[in-house]
């Protein structure tokens, strides 16, 4: 980036988005498509610097003179082109416009992509977040480590994957210590406080997990895709949107492009009968045509 920007001339055009007195000074740099602000380039260079001494940036997308997104070492950064000194990290999934839960420890957005990560990756993120919180808070009091809303979001994502127990264990042990090591590392009253903090956080995360479990089942209308009623205690490895481990392993399938077939059970797709373009009527099985009476006559008079 510095090699490309160094010999690049100053851009002397008029910024099409902001007024001239507020427009940032910019490089006229070809690799990034159009001009970019000086200070934003320098700020961007500092963000991926810890990853490697030599990094390569790739332009992912550009929105005219508003912003652009570049990728580097699996990370994605947005540069705002309407002001100085604004570059921020985005979710690592290409095309996602949301920010990560934590740029260094939990690099996926909370709205969608964090809950799509597999169990082993969620466990690694839990360890990374727990260690970072321990380094920040435990110097004065090892029992004062807070996992915060980021820890809650990891637990909610783990519930969606049926991986709550290993993720919760990784979070707590990284933030405090392994339970059997607490009395070895700490002494007397301090060890008691750490045990108490671990138990308190464990119970709190259990409540977070139960709330996430109920929320997911509510979004699924209380039924598995196979039609079975969803239960609370289906097993620690069964995601809440499935009724059993067999259902979770099978996943959604379709047969012949018709009704979805999951775990060998076909599910009837309800269709709404409409009248005059309005959405009222009764549900009927897919593929069955509604009965029609003669125009201008009710069903009673038609039968007569």
C-alpha atoms as a PDB file:
ATOM      1  CA  UNK A   1       0.000   0.000   0.000  1.00  0.00           C
ATOM      2  CA  UNK A   2       2.760   2.445   0.916  1.00  0.00           C
ATOM      3  CA  UNK A   3       4.628   1.538  -2.271  1.00  0.00           C
ATOM      4  CA  UNK A   4       1.516   2.322  -4.301  1.00  0.00           C
ATOM      5  CA  UNK A   5       0.614   5.514  -2.413  1.00  0.00           C
ATOM      6  CA  UNK A   6       4.138   6.949  -2.159  1.00  0.00           C
ATOM      7  CA  UNK A   7       4.555   7.961  -5.812  1.00  0.00           C
ATOM      8  CA  UNK A   8       0.837   8.630  -6.293  1.00  0.00           C
ATOM      9  CA  UNK A   9      -0.013  12.275  -7.045  1.00  0.00           C
ATOM     10  CA  UNK A  10      -2.409  14.365  -4.989  1.00  0.00           C
ATOM     11  CA  UNK A  11      -5.936  14.238  -6.262  1.00  0.00           C
ATOM     12  CA  UNK A  12      -7.001  17.684  -7.436  1.00  0.00           C
ATOM     13  CA  UNK A  13     -10.580  16.972  -8.451  1.00  0.00           C
ATOM     14  CA  UNK A  14     -13.748  18.068  -6.657  1.00  0.00           C
ATOM     15  CA  UNK A  15     -15.271  15.599  -4.202  1.00  0.00           C
ATOM     16  CA  UNK A  16     -18.779  14.742  -5.491  1.00  0.00           C
ATOM     17  CA  UNK A  17     -20.217  13.885  -2.072  1.00  0.00           C
ATOM     18  CA  UNK A  18     -18.998  16.508   0.432  1.00  0.00           C
ATOM     19  CA  UNK A  19     -18.411  20.262   0.200  1.00  0.00           C
ATOM     20  CA  UNK A  20     -14.909  21.378  -0.855  1.00  0.00           C
ATOM     21  CA  UNK A  21     -14.121  22.926   2.540  1.00  0.00           C
ATOM     22  CA  UNK A  22     -14.911  19.637   4.296  1.00  0.00           C
ATOM     23  CA  UNK A  23     -13.498  17.245   1.703  1.00  0.00           C
ATOM     24  CA  UNK A  24     -10.442  15.233   2.832  1.00  0.00           C
ATOM     25  CA  UNK A  25      -7.090  15.448   1.038  1.00  0.00           C
ATOM     26  CA  UNK A  26      -6.703  12.336  -1.087  1.00  0.00           C
ATOM     27  CA  UNK A  27      -4.243  10.184  -3.004  1.00  0.00           C
ATOM     28  CA  UNK A  28      -5.020   9.545  -6.653  1.00  0.00           C
ATOM     29  CA  UNK A  29      -4.285   5.824  -6.352  1.00  0.00           C
ATOM     30  CA  UNK A  30      -5.119   3.414  -9.170  1.00  0.00           C
ATOM     31  CA  UNK A  31      -5.124   0.030  -7.304  1.00  0.00           C
ATOM     32  CA  UNK A  32      -8.082   1.118  -5.161  1.00  0.00           C
ATOM     33  CA  UNK A  33     -10.129   2.286  -8.116  1.00  0.00           C
ATOM     34  CA  UNK A  34     -10.361   5.993  -7.275  1.00  0.00           C
ATOM     35  CA  UNK A  35      -8.881   8.501  -4.791  1.00  0.00           C
ATOM     36  CA  UNK A  36      -8.623   7.693  -1.071  1.00  0.00           C
ATOM     37  CA  UNK A  37      -7.929  10.024   1.907  1.00  0.00           C
ATOM     38  CA  UNK A  38      -4.314  10.283   3.119  1.00  0.00           C
ATOM     39  CA  UNK A  39      -5.022   9.712   6.806  1.00  0.00           C
ATOM     40  CA  UNK A  40      -7.418   6.846   6.150  1.00  0.00           C
ATOM     41  CA  UNK A  41      -4.691   4.989   4.265  1.00  0.00           C
ATOM     42  CA  UNK A  42      -2.292   5.393   7.201  1.00  0.00           C
ATOM     43  CA  UNK A  43      -4.967   4.303   9.679  1.00  0.00           C
ATOM     44  CA  UNK A  44      -5.780   1.241   7.583  1.00  0.00           C
ATOM     45  CA  UNK A  45      -2.120   0.250   7.460  1.00  0.00           C
ATOM     46  CA  UNK A  46      -2.035   0.165  11.252  1.00  0.00           C
ATOM     47  CA  UNK A  47      -5.063  -2.123  11.641  1.00  0.00           C
ATOM     48  CA  UNK A  48      -3.658  -5.327  10.045  1.00  0.00           C
ATOM     49  CA  UNK A  49      -0.071  -4.582  11.096  1.00  0.00           C
ATOM     50  CA  UNK A  50       0.011  -7.069  14.052  1.00  0.00           C
ATOM     51  CA  UNK A  51      -0.842  -9.948  11.699  1.00  0.00           C
ATOM     52  CA  UNK A  52       2.328  -9.795   9.633  1.00  0.00           C
ATOM     53  CA  UNK A  53       5.235  -7.557   8.679  1.00  0.00           C
ATOM     54  CA  UNK A  54       4.248  -7.994   5.058  1.00  0.00           C
ATOM     55  CA  UNK A  55       0.573  -7.929   4.151  1.00  0.00           C
ATOM     56  CA  UNK A  56      -1.331  -7.718   0.900  1.00  0.00           C
ATOM     57  CA  UNK A  57      -4.568  -5.808   0.546  1.00  0.00           C
ATOM     58  CA  UNK A  58      -7.266  -6.806  -1.934  1.00  0.00           C
ATOM     59  CA  UNK A  59     -10.067  -4.486  -3.024  1.00  0.00           C
ATOM     60  CA  UNK A  60     -13.384  -6.260  -2.393  1.00  0.00           C
ATOM     61  CA  UNK A  61     -15.876  -3.556  -3.320  1.00  0.00           C
ATOM     62  CA  UNK A  62     -16.210   0.184  -3.737  1.00  0.00           C
ATOM     63  CA  UNK A  63     -19.233   2.431  -3.330  1.00  0.00           C
ATOM     64  CA  UNK A  64     -18.208   5.408  -5.438  1.00  0.00           C
ATOM     65  CA  UNK A  65     -16.824   8.219  -3.292  1.00  0.00           C
ATOM     66  CA  UNK A  66     -18.637   7.009  -0.166  1.00  0.00           C
ATOM     67  CA  UNK A  67     -16.654   3.978   1.008  1.00  0.00           C
ATOM     68  CA  UNK A  68     -14.679   0.911  -0.019  1.00  0.00           C
ATOM     69  CA  UNK A  69     -13.929  -2.473   1.544  1.00  0.00           C
ATOM     70  CA  UNK A  70     -10.542  -4.176   1.382  1.00  0.00           C
ATOM     71  CA  UNK A  71      -9.538  -7.650   2.570  1.00  0.00           C
ATOM     72  CA  UNK A  72      -6.260  -8.556   4.264  1.00  0.00           C
ATOM     73  CA  UNK A  73      -5.186 -11.862   5.861  1.00  0.00           C
ATOM     74  CA  UNK A  74      -8.815 -13.013   6.073  1.00  0.00           C
ATOM     75  CA  UNK A  75      -9.906  -9.762   7.727  1.00  0.00           C
ATOM     76  CA  UNK A  76     -12.077  -7.098   6.073  1.00  0.00           C
ATOM     77  CA  UNK A  77     -11.864  -3.336   6.554  1.00  0.00           C
ATOM     78  CA  UNK A  78     -14.124  -0.505   5.477  1.00  0.00           C
ATOM     79  CA  UNK A  79     -12.592   2.850   4.509  1.00  0.00           C
ATOM     80  CA  UNK A  80     -14.882   5.886   4.524  1.00  0.00           C
ATOM     81  CA  UNK A  81     -13.982   8.288   1.712  1.00  0.00           C
ATOM     82  CA  UNK A  82     -15.971  11.329   2.847  1.00  0.00           C
ATOM     83  CA  UNK A  83     -13.828  12.182   5.896  1.00  0.00           C
ATOM     84  CA  UNK A  84     -10.372  11.747   7.406  1.00  0.00           C
ATOM     85  CA  UNK A  85      -9.273   9.034   9.818  1.00  0.00           C
ATOM     86  CA  UNK A  86     -12.088   6.534   9.472  1.00  0.00           C
ATOM     87  CA  UNK A  87     -11.334   2.868   8.827  1.00  0.00           C
ATOM     88  CA  UNK A  88     -13.085   0.109  10.701  1.00  0.00           C
ATOM     89  CA  UNK A  89     -13.155  -3.673  10.689  1.00  0.00           C
ATOM     90  CA  UNK A  90     -16.118  -5.609   9.305  1.00  0.00           C
ATOM     91  CA  UNK A  91     -17.430  -9.159   9.730  1.00  0.00           C
ATOM     92  CA  UNK A  92     -15.093 -11.657   8.054  1.00  0.00           C
ATOM     93  CA  UNK A  93     -17.771 -13.084   5.763  1.00  0.00           C
ATOM     94  CA  UNK A  94     -17.415 -11.487   2.291  1.00  0.00           C
ATOM     95  CA  UNK A  95     -20.278  -9.177   1.413  1.00  0.00           C
ATOM     96  CA  UNK A  96     -21.387  -8.578   5.013  1.00  0.00           C
ATOM     97  CA  UNK A  97     -21.743  -4.914   5.985  1.00  0.00           C
ATOM     98  CA  UNK A  98     -21.995  -5.487   9.743  1.00  0.00           C
ATOM     99  CA  UNK A  99     -19.222  -5.090  12.261  1.00  0.00           C
ATOM    100  CA  UNK A 100     -17.791  -7.982  14.299  1.00  0.00           C
ATOM    101  CA  UNK A 101     -18.708  -8.682  17.908  1.00  0.00           C
ATOM    102  CA  UNK A 102     -15.014  -8.180  18.773  1.00  0.00           C
ATOM    103  CA  UNK A 103     -12.468  -7.426  16.065  1.00  0.00           C
ATOM    104  CA  UNK A 104      -9.674  -9.527  17.560  1.00  0.00           C
ATOM    105  CA  UNK A 105     -11.494 -12.319  19.410  1.00  0.00           C
ATOM    106  CA  UNK A 106     -14.969 -12.725  17.847  1.00  0.00           C
ATOM    107  CA  UNK A 107     -14.600 -11.503  14.242  1.00  0.00           C
ATOM    108  CA  UNK A 108     -18.153 -12.256  13.034  1.00  0.00           C
ATOM    109  CA  UNK A 109     -21.378 -10.247  13.172  1.00  0.00           C
ATOM    110  CA  UNK A 110     -23.922 -11.048  15.859  1.00  0.00           C
ATOM    111  CA  UNK A 111     -26.931 -10.746  13.531  1.00  0.00           C
ATOM    112  CA  UNK A 112     -26.219 -13.799  11.402  1.00  0.00           C
ATOM    113  CA  UNK A 113     -22.750 -15.151  10.809  1.00  0.00           C
ATOM    114  CA  UNK A 114     -21.569 -15.835  14.367  1.00  0.00           C
ATOM    115  CA  UNK A 115     -24.345 -18.407  14.849  1.00  0.00           C
ATOM    116  CA  UNK A 116     -23.271 -20.152  11.632  1.00  0.00           C
ATOM    117  CA  UNK A 117     -19.760 -20.966  12.881  1.00  0.00           C
ATOM    118  CA  UNK A 118     -18.979 -24.615  13.762  1.00  0.00           C
ATOM    119  CA  UNK A 119     -18.412 -25.780  17.315  1.00  0.00           C
ATOM    120  CA  UNK A 120     -14.604 -25.901  17.201  1.00  0.00           C
ATOM    121  CA  UNK A 121     -14.400 -22.314  15.939  1.00  0.00           C
ATOM    122  CA  UNK A 122     -16.840 -21.100  18.591  1.00  0.00           C
ATOM    123  CA  UNK A 123     -14.722 -22.790  21.262  1.00  0.00           C
ATOM    124  CA  UNK A 124     -11.560 -21.088  19.971  1.00  0.00           C
ATOM    125  CA  UNK A 125     -13.313 -17.704  19.966  1.00  0.00           C
ATOM    126  CA  UNK A 126     -14.543 -18.352  23.520  1.00  0.00           C
ATOM    127  CA  UNK A 127     -11.000 -19.079  24.680  1.00  0.00           C
ATOM    128  CA  UNK A 128      -9.662 -15.976  22.944  1.00  0.00           C
ATOM    129  CA  UNK A 129     -12.347 -13.748  24.475  1.00  0.00           C
ATOM    130  CA  UNK A 130     -11.901 -15.250  27.950  1.00  0.00           C
ATOM    131  CA  UNK A 131      -8.125 -14.746  27.822  1.00  0.00           C
ATOM    132  CA  UNK A 132      -8.463 -11.153  26.634  1.00  0.00           C
ATOM    133  CA  UNK A 133     -10.892 -10.341  29.449  1.00  0.00           C
ATOM    134  CA  UNK A 134      -8.633 -12.021  31.990  1.00  0.00           C
ATOM    135  CA  UNK A 135      -5.648  -9.975  30.857  1.00  0.00           C
ATOM    136  CA  UNK A 136      -7.659  -6.769  31.098  1.00  0.00           C
ATOM    137  CA  UNK A 137      -9.470  -7.245  34.426  1.00  0.00           C
ATOM    138  CA  UNK A 138      -7.642  -9.807  36.584  1.00  0.00           C
ATOM    139  CA  UNK A 139      -4.556  -7.772  37.561  1.00  0.00           C
ATOM    140  CA  UNK A 140      -6.198  -6.235  40.621  1.00  0.00           C
ATOM    141  CA  UNK A 141      -8.758  -8.936  41.378  1.00  0.00           C
ATOM    142  CA  UNK A 142      -8.843 -12.301  39.536  1.00  0.00           C
ATOM    143  CA  UNK A 143     -12.494 -12.723  40.563  1.00  0.00           C
ATOM    144  CA  UNK A 144     -13.502  -9.461  38.836  1.00  0.00           C
ATOM    145  CA  UNK A 145     -13.306 -10.749  35.239  1.00  0.00           C
ATOM    146  CA  UNK A 146     -16.447  -9.866  33.284  1.00  0.00           C
ATOM    147  CA  UNK A 147     -17.424 -11.795  30.154  1.00  0.00           C
ATOM    148  CA  UNK A 148     -19.995  -9.152  29.213  1.00  0.00           C
ATOM    149  CA  UNK A 149     -22.402  -9.079  26.301  1.00  0.00           C
ATOM    150  CA  UNK A 150     -19.748 -10.569  23.996  1.00  0.00           C
ATOM    151  CA  UNK A 151     -19.708 -13.717  26.119  1.00  0.00           C
ATOM    152  CA  UNK A 152     -23.505 -13.788  26.035  1.00  0.00           C
ATOM    153  CA  UNK A 153     -23.470 -13.621  22.245  1.00  0.00           C
ATOM    154  CA  UNK A 154     -21.013 -16.503  22.041  1.00  0.00           C
ATOM    155  CA  UNK A 155     -23.313 -18.579  24.245  1.00  0.00           C
ATOM    156  CA  UNK A 156     -26.359 -17.720  22.118  1.00  0.00           C
ATOM    157  CA  UNK A 157     -24.466 -18.738  18.967  1.00  0.00           C
ATOM    158  CA  UNK A 158     -23.344 -21.968  20.665  1.00  0.00           C
ATOM    159  CA  UNK A 159     -26.963 -22.798  21.571  1.00  0.00           C
ATOM    160  CA  UNK A 160     -27.907 -22.518  17.901  1.00  0.00           C
ATOM    161  CA  UNK A 161     -25.176 -25.066  17.088  1.00  0.00           C
ATOM    162  CA  UNK A 162     -25.908 -27.429  20.001  1.00  0.00           C
ATOM    163  CA  UNK A 163     -22.486 -26.567  21.454  1.00  0.00           C
ATOM    164  CA  UNK A 164     -23.384 -24.659  24.609  1.00  0.00           C
ATOM    165  CA  UNK A 165     -21.479 -26.798  27.125  1.00  0.00           C
ATOM    166  CA  UNK A 166     -18.001 -26.771  25.480  1.00  0.00           C
ATOM    167  CA  UNK A 167     -18.251 -23.057  24.640  1.00  0.00           C
ATOM    168  CA  UNK A 168     -19.347 -22.141  28.168  1.00  0.00           C
ATOM    169  CA  UNK A 169     -16.573 -24.267  29.655  1.00  0.00           C
ATOM    170  CA  UNK A 170     -13.970 -22.644  27.405  1.00  0.00           C
ATOM    171  CA  UNK A 171     -15.211 -19.152  28.318  1.00  0.00           C
ATOM    172  CA  UNK A 172     -15.120 -19.698  32.086  1.00  0.00           C
ATOM    173  CA  UNK A 173     -11.817 -21.589  32.204  1.00  0.00           C
ATOM    174  CA  UNK A 174     -10.081 -19.020  29.995  1.00  0.00           C
ATOM    175  CA  UNK A 175     -11.439 -16.114  32.044  1.00  0.00           C
ATOM    176  CA  UNK A 176     -10.670 -17.618  35.473  1.00  0.00           C
ATOM    177  CA  UNK A 177      -8.985 -21.019  35.520  1.00  0.00           C
ATOM    178  CA  UNK A 178      -9.755 -24.711  35.535  1.00  0.00           C
ATOM    179  CA  UNK A 179     -11.826 -25.488  38.661  1.00  0.00           C
ATOM    180  CA  UNK A 180      -9.294 -27.975  40.021  1.00  0.00           C
ATOM    181  CA  UNK A 181      -6.470 -25.445  39.614  1.00  0.00           C
ATOM    182  CA  UNK A 182      -8.077 -22.546  41.458  1.00  0.00           C
ATOM    183  CA  UNK A 183      -6.925 -23.740  44.900  1.00  0.00           C
ATOM    184  CA  UNK A 184      -3.434 -24.309  43.497  1.00  0.00           C
ATOM    185  CA  UNK A 185      -3.057 -20.906  41.830  1.00  0.00           C
ATOM    186  CA  UNK A 186      -4.833 -18.831  44.493  1.00  0.00           C
ATOM    187  CA  UNK A 187      -4.769 -19.039  48.275  1.00  0.00           C
ATOM    188  CA  UNK A 188      -7.294 -18.658  51.041  1.00  0.00           C
ATOM    189  CA  UNK A 189      -9.971 -16.011  50.631  1.00  0.00           C
ATOM    190  CA  UNK A 190      -8.887 -15.168  47.089  1.00  0.00           C
ATOM    191  CA  UNK A 191      -9.531 -18.758  45.984  1.00  0.00           C
ATOM    192  CA  UNK A 192     -12.994 -18.633  47.576  1.00  0.00           C
ATOM    193  CA  UNK A 193     -13.783 -15.439  45.653  1.00  0.00           C
ATOM    194  CA  UNK A 194     -12.649 -16.957  42.357  1.00  0.00           C
ATOM    195  CA  UNK A 195     -14.749 -20.096  42.924  1.00  0.00           C
ATOM    196  CA  UNK A 196     -17.739 -17.905  43.719  1.00  0.00           C
ATOM    197  CA  UNK A 197     -17.190 -15.771  40.600  1.00  0.00           C
ATOM    198  CA  UNK A 198     -16.960 -18.896  38.430  1.00  0.00           C
ATOM    199  CA  UNK A 199     -20.162 -20.339  39.872  1.00  0.00           C
ATOM    200  CA  UNK A 200     -21.982 -17.025  39.495  1.00  0.00           C
ATOM    201  CA  UNK A 201     -20.901 -16.646  35.882  1.00  0.00           C
ATOM    202  CA  UNK A 202     -21.796 -20.263  35.142  1.00  0.00           C
ATOM    203  CA  UNK A 203     -25.361 -19.755  36.428  1.00  0.00           C
ATOM    204  CA  UNK A 204     -25.682 -16.459  34.548  1.00  0.00           C
ATOM    205  CA  UNK A 205     -24.580 -18.048  31.258  1.00  0.00           C
ATOM    206  CA  UNK A 206     -27.055 -20.881  31.873  1.00  0.00           C
ATOM    207  CA  UNK A 207     -29.840 -18.303  32.005  1.00  0.00           C
ATOM    208  CA  UNK A 208     -28.538 -16.739  28.784  1.00  0.00           C
ATOM    209  CA  UNK A 209     -28.531 -20.169  27.131  1.00  0.00           C
ATOM    210  CA  UNK A 210     -32.101 -20.967  28.230  1.00  0.00           C
ATOM    211  CA  UNK A 211     -33.316 -17.611  26.926  1.00  0.00           C
ATOM    212  CA  UNK A 212     -31.596 -18.209  23.578  1.00  0.00           C
ATOM    213  CA  UNK A 213     -33.097 -21.722  23.444  1.00  0.00           C
ATOM    214  CA  UNK A 214     -36.615 -20.384  23.980  1.00  0.00           C
ATOM    215  CA  UNK A 215     -36.109 -17.586  21.455  1.00  0.00           C
ATOM    216  CA  UNK A 216     -34.970 -19.981  18.721  1.00  0.00           C
ATOM    217  CA  UNK A 217     -37.887 -22.335  19.347  1.00  0.00           C
ATOM    218  CA  UNK A 218     -40.301 -19.412  19.280  1.00  0.00           C
ATOM    219  CA  UNK A 219     -38.934 -18.336  15.888  1.00  0.00           C
ATOM    220  CA  UNK A 220     -39.503 -21.918  14.718  1.00  0.00           C
ATOM    221  CA  UNK A 221     -43.159 -21.677  15.904  1.00  0.00           C
ATOM    222  CA  UNK A 222     -42.524 -24.436  18.431  1.00  0.00           C
ATOM    223  CA  UNK A 223     -42.188 -27.180  15.821  1.00  0.00           C
ATOM    224  CA  UNK A 224     -39.350 -28.987  14.129  1.00  0.00           C
ATOM    225  CA  UNK A 225     -39.280 -28.987  10.331  1.00  0.00           C
ATOM    226  CA  UNK A 226     -40.504 -32.613  10.457  1.00  0.00           C
ATOM    227  CA  UNK A 227     -43.643 -31.449  12.254  1.00  0.00           C
ATOM    228  CA  UNK A 228     -42.817 -32.713  15.739  1.00  0.00           C
ATOM    229  CA  UNK A 229     -43.320 -30.447  18.737  1.00  0.00           C
ATOM    230  CA  UNK A 230     -40.034 -28.991  20.001  1.00  0.00           C
ATOM    231  CA  UNK A 231     -39.060 -29.881  23.569  1.00  0.00           C
ATOM    232  CA  UNK A 232     -36.694 -28.252  26.068  1.00  0.00           C
ATOM    233  CA  UNK A 233     -34.584 -31.284  26.991  1.00  0.00           C
ATOM    234  CA  UNK A 234     -33.783 -32.893  23.628  1.00  0.00           C
ATOM    235  CA  UNK A 235     -30.085 -33.309  24.485  1.00  0.00           C
ATOM    236  CA  UNK A 236     -26.976 -31.104  24.845  1.00  0.00           C
ATOM    237  CA  UNK A 237     -25.870 -31.676  21.243  1.00  0.00           C
ATOM    238  CA  UNK A 238     -29.273 -31.064  19.634  1.00  0.00           C
ATOM    239  CA  UNK A 239     -29.894 -27.499  18.395  1.00  0.00           C
ATOM    240  CA  UNK A 240     -33.199 -26.140  19.712  1.00  0.00           C
ATOM    241  CA  UNK A 241     -34.783 -25.927  16.248  1.00  0.00           C
ATOM    242  CA  UNK A 242     -34.681 -29.754  15.946  1.00  0.00           C
ATOM    243  CA  UNK A 243     -36.642 -32.371  17.838  1.00  0.00           C
ATOM    244  CA  UNK A 244     -33.900 -35.020  17.927  1.00  0.00           C
ATOM    245  CA  UNK A 245     -30.292 -35.746  17.016  1.00  0.00           C
ATOM    246  CA  UNK A 246     -31.514 -37.668  13.945  1.00  0.00           C
ATOM    247  CA  UNK A 247     -33.418 -34.625  12.720  1.00  0.00           C
ATOM    248  CA  UNK A 248     -30.415 -32.367  13.288  1.00  0.00           C
ATOM    249  CA  UNK A 249     -28.131 -34.748  11.389  1.00  0.00           C
ATOM    250  CA  UNK A 250     -30.546 -35.073   8.460  1.00  0.00           C
ATOM    251  CA  UNK A 251     -31.169 -31.356   8.008  1.00  0.00           C
ATOM    252  CA  UNK A 252     -33.715 -29.908   5.551  1.00  0.00           C
ATOM    253  CA  UNK A 253     -34.098 -31.902   2.341  1.00  0.00           C
ATOM    254  CA  UNK A 254     -36.470 -31.747  -0.567  1.00  0.00           C
ATOM    255  CA  UNK A 255     -37.777 -34.520  -2.761  1.00  0.00           C
ATOM    256  CA  UNK A 256     -38.949 -33.905  -6.306  1.00  0.00           C
ATOM    257  CA  UNK A 257     -39.231 -30.152  -5.738  1.00  0.00           C
ATOM    258  CA  UNK A 258     -42.479 -30.617  -3.777  1.00  0.00           C
ATOM    259  CA  UNK A 259     -43.141 -30.623  -0.055  1.00  0.00           C
ATOM    260  CA  UNK A 260     -40.006 -30.686   2.115  1.00  0.00           C
ATOM    261  CA  UNK A 261     -39.072 -34.140   3.350  1.00  0.00           C
ATOM    262  CA  UNK A 262     -37.208 -34.226   6.659  1.00  0.00           C
ATOM    263  CA  UNK A 263     -36.424 -37.433   8.543  1.00  0.00           C
ATOM    264  CA  UNK A 264     -38.632 -39.322   6.117  1.00  0.00           C
ATOM    265  CA  UNK A 265     -41.768 -37.300   6.903  1.00  0.00           C
ATOM    266  CA  UNK A 266     -43.466 -35.124   4.321  1.00  0.00           C
ATOM    267  CA  UNK A 267     -44.902 -31.902   5.579  1.00  0.00           C
ATOM    268  CA  UNK A 268     -48.083 -30.424   4.100  1.00  0.00           C
ATOM    269  CA  UNK A 269     -47.562 -26.858   2.938  1.00  0.00           C
ATOM    270  CA  UNK A 270     -50.582 -24.733   3.852  1.00  0.00           C
ATOM    271  CA  UNK A 271     -51.817 -22.400   1.141  1.00  0.00           C
ATOM    272  CA  UNK A 272     -54.199 -19.535   1.703  1.00  0.00           C
ATOM    273  CA  UNK A 273     -57.341 -19.291  -0.426  1.00  0.00           C
ATOM    274  CA  UNK A 274     -57.775 -15.675  -1.464  1.00  0.00           C
ATOM    275  CA  UNK A 275     -60.798 -13.842  -2.770  1.00  0.00           C
ATOM    276  CA  UNK A 276     -60.606 -10.720  -4.825  1.00  0.00           C
ATOM    277  CA  UNK A 277     -56.870 -10.356  -4.169  1.00  0.00           C
ATOM    278  CA  UNK A 278     -57.384 -10.083  -0.409  1.00  0.00           C
ATOM    279  CA  UNK A 279     -55.573 -12.336   2.006  1.00  0.00           C
ATOM    280  CA  UNK A 280     -58.434 -14.020   3.819  1.00  0.00           C
ATOM    281  CA  UNK A 281     -59.798 -17.548   3.611  1.00  0.00           C
ATOM    282  CA  UNK A 282     -58.810 -20.939   4.974  1.00  0.00           C
ATOM    283  CA  UNK A 283     -55.684 -23.042   4.644  1.00  0.00           C
ATOM    284  CA  UNK A 284     -55.731 -25.972   2.258  1.00  0.00           C
ATOM    285  CA  UNK A 285     -53.171 -28.683   1.355  1.00  0.00           C
ATOM    286  CA  UNK A 286     -50.723 -27.788  -1.393  1.00  0.00           C
ATOM    287  CA  UNK A 287     -51.799 -28.901  -4.875  1.00  0.00           C
ATOM    288  CA  UNK A 288     -55.517 -28.946  -4.112  1.00  0.00           C
ATOM    289  CA  UNK A 289     -57.691 -26.437  -5.962  1.00  0.00           C
ATOM    290  CA  UNK A 290     -60.443 -24.590  -4.074  1.00  0.00           C
ATOM    291  CA  UNK A 291     -64.064 -25.359  -4.846  1.00  0.00           C
ATOM    292  CA  UNK A 292     -65.911 -22.610  -6.617  1.00  0.00           C
ATOM    293  CA  UNK A 293     -69.627 -21.828  -6.557  1.00  0.00           C
ATOM    294  CA  UNK A 294     -71.544 -20.206  -9.418  1.00  0.00           C
ATOM    295  CA  UNK A 295     -71.066 -16.450  -9.720  1.00  0.00           C
ATOM    296  CA  UNK A 296     -73.541 -14.349  -7.783  1.00  0.00           C
ATOM    297  CA  UNK A 297     -74.926 -17.300  -5.780  1.00  0.00           C
ATOM    298  CA  UNK A 298     -74.047 -18.440  -2.265  1.00  0.00           C
ATOM    299  CA  UNK A 299     -73.043 -22.023  -1.544  1.00  0.00           C
ATOM    300  CA  UNK A 300     -76.469 -22.661   0.080  1.00  0.00           C
ATOM    301  CA  UNK A 301     -78.428 -21.493  -2.925  1.00  0.00           C
ATOM    302  CA  UNK A 302     -76.101 -23.396  -5.262  1.00  0.00           C
ATOM    303  CA  UNK A 303     -76.814 -26.584  -3.382  1.00  0.00           C
ATOM    304  CA  UNK A 304     -80.500 -25.930  -3.578  1.00  0.00           C
END
